[in-house]
Amino acid sequence: MDKIATWAENNKTKFNEEKSKVMLMTRRKRKEQKEVAVYMNKKAITQVHTIKYLGIIFDYKLSFRDHINYVADKCTKLIFQLAKSAKLNWGLSHKALQTI
């Protein structure tokens, strides 16, 4: 991390220690140390099990289960919102629903 910090200084870039997170990614099944202490500018960076990066949720086992659950929940909410707006007596017209 010291090399990254010096590279950032040389290129006039600064990393925020509070926003930075660290995650240990592995697919191994054997027991190993799961907590890793990483420091940037003499401050500890928090370790997490999932990270959302560019709209994709990565977990420490690279299984994408959390991402699939997130997308499925989001789609379910959208379907329920559309169902609420498409009632027989009130709501959007048939043409509007076809457009959506």
N, C-alpha and C. Protein backbone atom coordinates (compact mmCIF):
# COMPACT_ATOMS: atom_id res chain seq x y z
N MET A 1 0.81 -1.18 0.00
CA MET A 1 0.00 0.00 0.00
C MET A 1 0.86 1.26 0.00
N ASP A 2 2.07 1.15 0.54
CA ASP A 2 2.96 2.31 0.52
C ASP A 2 3.35 2.68 -0.90
N LYS A 3 3.56 1.66 -1.76
CA LYS A 3 3.89 1.94 -3.15
C LYS A 3 2.73 2.61 -3.87
N ILE A 4 1.51 2.18 -3.57
CA ILE A 4 0.34 2.80 -4.18
C ILE A 4 0.20 4.24 -3.70
N ALA A 5 0.45 4.49 -2.42
CA ALA A 5 0.34 5.84 -1.88
C ALA A 5 1.40 6.76 -2.48
N THR A 6 2.63 6.25 -2.66
CA THR A 6 3.65 7.10 -3.28
C THR A 6 3.35 7.34 -4.75
N TRP A 7 2.80 6.34 -5.45
CA TRP A 7 2.40 6.53 -6.84
C TRP A 7 1.32 7.60 -6.94
N ALA A 8 0.36 7.56 -6.01
CA ALA A 8 -0.72 8.55 -6.00
C ALA A 8 -0.17 9.95 -5.75
N GLU A 9 0.78 10.06 -4.85
CA GLU A 9 1.40 11.36 -4.58
C GLU A 9 2.13 11.90 -5.80
N ASN A 10 2.86 11.03 -6.48
CA ASN A 10 3.61 11.45 -7.66
C ASN A 10 2.69 11.87 -8.79
N ASN A 11 1.50 11.29 -8.87
CA ASN A 11 0.55 11.62 -9.93
C ASN A 11 -0.55 12.57 -9.47
N LYS A 12 -0.29 13.25 -8.34
CA LYS A 12 -1.20 14.26 -7.81
C LYS A 12 -2.61 13.72 -7.59
N THR A 13 -2.68 12.52 -7.04
CA THR A 13 -3.95 11.87 -6.71
C THR A 13 -3.92 11.53 -5.23
N LYS A 14 -5.10 11.53 -4.61
CA LYS A 14 -5.16 11.19 -3.18
C LYS A 14 -6.29 10.19 -2.97
N PHE A 15 -6.03 9.15 -2.19
CA PHE A 15 -7.03 8.16 -1.84
C PHE A 15 -7.62 8.50 -0.48
N ASN A 16 -8.93 8.32 -0.35
CA ASN A 16 -9.61 8.58 0.91
C ASN A 16 -9.66 7.29 1.72
N GLU A 17 -9.06 7.31 2.90
CA GLU A 17 -8.99 6.11 3.72
C GLU A 17 -10.37 5.71 4.26
N GLU A 18 -11.26 6.68 4.50
CA GLU A 18 -12.57 6.36 5.04
C GLU A 18 -13.45 5.68 3.99
N LYS A 19 -13.30 6.03 2.72
CA LYS A 19 -14.12 5.44 1.66
C LYS A 19 -13.53 4.14 1.11
N SER A 20 -12.26 3.91 1.34
CA SER A 20 -11.61 2.71 0.83
C SER A 20 -11.96 1.50 1.68
N LYS A 21 -12.11 0.36 1.01
CA LYS A 21 -12.42 -0.89 1.69
C LYS A 21 -11.52 -1.98 1.12
N VAL A 22 -11.32 -3.03 1.90
CA VAL A 22 -10.51 -4.16 1.46
C VAL A 22 -11.34 -5.43 1.59
N MET A 23 -11.15 -6.35 0.63
CA MET A 23 -11.87 -7.61 0.65
C MET A 23 -10.92 -8.72 0.21
N LEU A 24 -10.90 -9.80 0.97
CA LEU A 24 -10.09 -10.96 0.64
C LEU A 24 -10.94 -11.88 -0.22
N MET A 25 -10.54 -12.07 -1.49
CA MET A 25 -11.29 -12.93 -2.41
C MET A 25 -10.58 -14.26 -2.54
N THR A 26 -11.33 -15.34 -2.29
CA THR A 26 -10.76 -16.66 -2.43
C THR A 26 -11.88 -17.67 -2.69
N ARG A 27 -11.53 -18.73 -3.39
CA ARG A 27 -12.48 -19.82 -3.61
C ARG A 27 -12.00 -21.08 -2.88
N ARG A 28 -10.95 -20.95 -2.11
CA ARG A 28 -10.41 -22.09 -1.37
C ARG A 28 -11.36 -22.49 -0.25
N LYS A 29 -11.38 -23.79 0.03
CA LYS A 29 -12.24 -24.29 1.09
C LYS A 29 -11.47 -24.55 2.38
N ARG A 30 -10.16 -24.45 2.31
CA ARG A 30 -9.40 -24.72 3.52
C ARG A 30 -9.48 -23.53 4.48
N LYS A 31 -9.19 -23.82 5.73
CA LYS A 31 -9.24 -22.78 6.75
C LYS A 31 -8.00 -21.91 6.63
N GLU A 32 -8.23 -20.62 6.63
CA GLU A 32 -7.12 -19.67 6.58
C GLU A 32 -7.54 -18.43 7.32
N GLN A 33 -6.60 -17.55 7.50
CA GLN A 33 -6.87 -16.31 8.22
C GLN A 33 -7.82 -15.45 7.38
N LYS A 34 -8.97 -15.15 7.93
CA LYS A 34 -9.98 -14.41 7.19
C LYS A 34 -9.91 -12.91 7.44
N GLU A 35 -9.24 -12.51 8.48
CA GLU A 35 -9.09 -11.09 8.80
C GLU A 35 -7.69 -10.63 8.40
N VAL A 36 -7.64 -9.62 7.55
CA VAL A 36 -6.36 -9.09 7.09
C VAL A 36 -6.30 -7.62 7.47
N ALA A 37 -5.21 -7.21 8.06
CA ALA A 37 -5.04 -5.81 8.45
C ALA A 37 -4.30 -5.08 7.34
N VAL A 38 -4.97 -4.13 6.72
CA VAL A 38 -4.38 -3.33 5.65
C VAL A 38 -4.43 -1.87 6.09
N TYR A 39 -3.29 -1.19 5.93
CA TYR A 39 -3.20 0.20 6.35
C TYR A 39 -2.85 1.09 5.16
N MET A 40 -3.48 2.26 5.14
CA MET A 40 -3.16 3.27 4.12
C MET A 40 -2.94 4.58 4.86
N ASN A 41 -1.79 5.16 4.67
CA ASN A 41 -1.41 6.40 5.36
C ASN A 41 -1.55 6.25 6.88
N LYS A 42 -1.13 5.11 7.38
CA LYS A 42 -1.12 4.76 8.80
C LYS A 42 -2.52 4.71 9.41
N LYS A 43 -3.54 4.48 8.57
CA LYS A 43 -4.91 4.30 9.05
C LYS A 43 -5.41 2.95 8.56
N ALA A 44 -6.10 2.24 9.43
CA ALA A 44 -6.61 0.91 9.07
C ALA A 44 -7.79 1.04 8.12
N ILE A 45 -7.81 0.18 7.09
CA ILE A 45 -8.91 0.15 6.13
C ILE A 45 -9.85 -0.98 6.56
N THR A 46 -11.15 -0.71 6.52
CA THR A 46 -12.11 -1.71 6.96
C THR A 46 -12.22 -2.85 5.96
N GLN A 47 -12.38 -4.05 6.50
CA GLN A 47 -12.53 -5.24 5.66
C GLN A 47 -14.01 -5.59 5.56
N VAL A 48 -14.47 -5.88 4.34
CA VAL A 48 -15.87 -6.20 4.09
C VAL A 48 -15.98 -7.54 3.38
N HIS A 49 -17.19 -8.09 3.35
CA HIS A 49 -17.43 -9.36 2.66
C HIS A 49 -18.04 -9.15 1.29
N THR A 50 -18.68 -8.00 1.06
CA THR A 50 -19.25 -7.68 -0.26
C THR A 50 -18.91 -6.25 -0.61
N ILE A 51 -18.71 -6.03 -1.93
CA ILE A 51 -18.41 -4.69 -2.45
C ILE A 51 -19.26 -4.49 -3.69
N LYS A 52 -19.89 -3.32 -3.78
CA LYS A 52 -20.64 -2.96 -4.98
C LYS A 52 -19.73 -2.07 -5.82
N TYR A 53 -19.41 -2.53 -7.03
CA TYR A 53 -18.51 -1.80 -7.91
C TYR A 53 -19.14 -1.74 -9.29
N LEU A 54 -19.42 -0.53 -9.75
CA LEU A 54 -20.04 -0.29 -11.05
C LEU A 54 -21.36 -1.05 -11.21
N GLY A 55 -22.14 -1.12 -10.13
CA GLY A 55 -23.45 -1.75 -10.18
C GLY A 55 -23.44 -3.25 -10.00
N ILE A 56 -22.28 -3.86 -9.85
CA ILE A 56 -22.18 -5.31 -9.66
C ILE A 56 -21.71 -5.57 -8.23
N ILE A 57 -22.39 -6.47 -7.55
CA ILE A 57 -22.03 -6.79 -6.17
C ILE A 57 -21.12 -8.02 -6.19
N PHE A 58 -19.91 -7.84 -5.71
CA PHE A 58 -18.94 -8.94 -5.61
C PHE A 58 -18.90 -9.39 -4.16
N ASP A 59 -18.84 -10.71 -3.93
CA ASP A 59 -18.65 -11.22 -2.59
C ASP A 59 -17.30 -11.91 -2.51
N TYR A 60 -16.91 -12.28 -1.31
CA TYR A 60 -15.55 -12.79 -1.11
C TYR A 60 -15.34 -14.17 -1.72
N LYS A 61 -16.41 -14.89 -2.08
CA LYS A 61 -16.26 -16.20 -2.71
C LYS A 61 -16.48 -16.14 -4.22
N LEU A 62 -16.75 -14.96 -4.76
CA LEU A 62 -17.00 -14.74 -6.19
C LEU A 62 -18.15 -15.62 -6.69
N SER A 63 -19.22 -15.72 -5.90
CA SER A 63 -20.34 -16.57 -6.30
C SER A 63 -21.46 -15.78 -6.97
N PHE A 64 -21.50 -14.47 -6.86
CA PHE A 64 -22.51 -13.58 -7.44
C PHE A 64 -23.91 -13.85 -6.89
N ARG A 65 -24.02 -14.61 -5.81
CA ARG A 65 -25.32 -14.89 -5.22
C ARG A 65 -25.96 -13.60 -4.69
N ASP A 66 -25.18 -12.75 -4.04
CA ASP A 66 -25.70 -11.48 -3.52
C ASP A 66 -26.17 -10.57 -4.65
N HIS A 67 -25.43 -10.56 -5.75
CA HIS A 67 -25.82 -9.72 -6.89
C HIS A 67 -27.12 -10.22 -7.52
N ILE A 68 -27.25 -11.52 -7.67
CA ILE A 68 -28.47 -12.09 -8.26
C ILE A 68 -29.67 -11.80 -7.36
N ASN A 69 -29.51 -11.94 -6.05
CA ASN A 69 -30.60 -11.62 -5.12
C ASN A 69 -30.97 -10.14 -5.18
N TYR A 70 -29.97 -9.28 -5.30
CA TYR A 70 -30.22 -7.83 -5.39
C TYR A 70 -31.01 -7.50 -6.66
N VAL A 71 -30.62 -8.06 -7.79
CA VAL A 71 -31.32 -7.79 -9.05
C VAL A 71 -32.72 -8.38 -9.03
N ALA A 72 -32.88 -9.57 -8.45
CA ALA A 72 -34.21 -10.19 -8.36
C ALA A 72 -35.14 -9.36 -7.48
N ASP A 73 -34.65 -8.86 -6.36
CA ASP A 73 -35.47 -8.00 -5.49
C ASP A 73 -35.86 -6.71 -6.20
N LYS A 74 -34.93 -6.15 -6.94
CA LYS A 74 -35.21 -4.91 -7.67
C LYS A 74 -36.28 -5.15 -8.74
N CYS A 75 -36.20 -6.26 -9.44
CA CYS A 75 -37.21 -6.59 -10.46
C CYS A 75 -38.57 -6.87 -9.83
N THR A 76 -38.58 -7.54 -8.69
CA THR A 76 -39.83 -7.82 -8.00
C THR A 76 -40.53 -6.52 -7.58
N LYS A 77 -39.76 -5.58 -7.06
CA LYS A 77 -40.34 -4.29 -6.68
C LYS A 77 -40.91 -3.57 -7.89
N LEU A 78 -40.22 -3.63 -9.03
CA LEU A 78 -40.71 -2.98 -10.24
C LEU A 78 -41.99 -3.63 -10.74
N ILE A 79 -42.06 -4.96 -10.69
CA ILE A 79 -43.26 -5.66 -11.14
C ILE A 79 -44.45 -5.31 -10.26
N PHE A 80 -44.24 -5.22 -8.94
CA PHE A 80 -45.33 -4.84 -8.04
C PHE A 80 -45.78 -3.40 -8.29
N GLN A 81 -44.85 -2.51 -8.59
CA GLN A 81 -45.23 -1.13 -8.90
C GLN A 81 -46.04 -1.07 -10.18
N LEU A 82 -45.65 -1.84 -11.18
CA LEU A 82 -46.42 -1.88 -12.42
C LEU A 82 -47.80 -2.50 -12.21
N ALA A 83 -47.87 -3.52 -11.37
CA ALA A 83 -49.15 -4.16 -11.10
C ALA A 83 -50.09 -3.19 -10.37
N LYS A 84 -49.56 -2.35 -9.49
CA LYS A 84 -50.39 -1.37 -8.81
C LYS A 84 -50.97 -0.35 -9.77
N SER A 85 -50.22 0.00 -10.79
CA SER A 85 -50.69 1.03 -11.72
C SER A 85 -51.58 0.47 -12.82
N ALA A 86 -51.77 -0.84 -12.89
CA ALA A 86 -52.55 -1.45 -13.96
C ALA A 86 -53.80 -2.13 -13.42
N LYS A 87 -54.63 -1.40 -12.72
CA LYS A 87 -55.88 -1.94 -12.20
C LYS A 87 -56.98 -1.79 -13.26
N LEU A 88 -58.09 -2.53 -13.09
CA LEU A 88 -59.18 -2.48 -14.07
C LEU A 88 -59.95 -1.17 -14.02
N ASN A 89 -60.22 -0.67 -12.83
CA ASN A 89 -61.06 0.53 -12.70
C ASN A 89 -60.27 1.83 -12.73
N TRP A 90 -59.00 1.80 -12.43
CA TRP A 90 -58.21 3.03 -12.41
C TRP A 90 -56.78 2.69 -12.80
N GLY A 91 -55.97 3.68 -12.99
CA GLY A 91 -54.57 3.46 -13.32
C GLY A 91 -54.28 3.80 -14.76
N LEU A 92 -53.20 3.29 -15.26
CA LEU A 92 -52.77 3.60 -16.62
C LEU A 92 -53.63 2.88 -17.65
N SER A 93 -53.71 3.48 -18.81
CA SER A 93 -54.50 2.86 -19.89
C SER A 93 -53.72 1.69 -20.50
N HIS A 94 -54.43 0.92 -21.31
CA HIS A 94 -53.83 -0.24 -21.96
C HIS A 94 -52.68 0.16 -22.88
N LYS A 95 -52.84 1.27 -23.60
CA LYS A 95 -51.78 1.75 -24.51
C LYS A 95 -50.54 2.16 -23.73
N ALA A 96 -50.74 2.84 -22.61
CA ALA A 96 -49.60 3.27 -21.80
C ALA A 96 -48.83 2.08 -21.25
N LEU A 97 -49.55 1.06 -20.81
CA LEU A 97 -48.89 -0.14 -20.30
C LEU A 97 -48.14 -0.88 -21.38
N GLN A 98 -48.66 -0.90 -22.61
CA GLN A 98 -47.95 -1.53 -23.72
C GLN A 98 -46.66 -0.77 -24.03
N THR A 99 -46.71 0.54 -23.90
CA THR A 99 -45.51 1.36 -24.14
C THR A 99 -44.42 1.05 -23.11
N ILE A 100 -44.84 0.87 -21.87
CA ILE A 100 -43.87 0.58 -20.81
C ILE A 100 -43.31 -0.80 -21.02
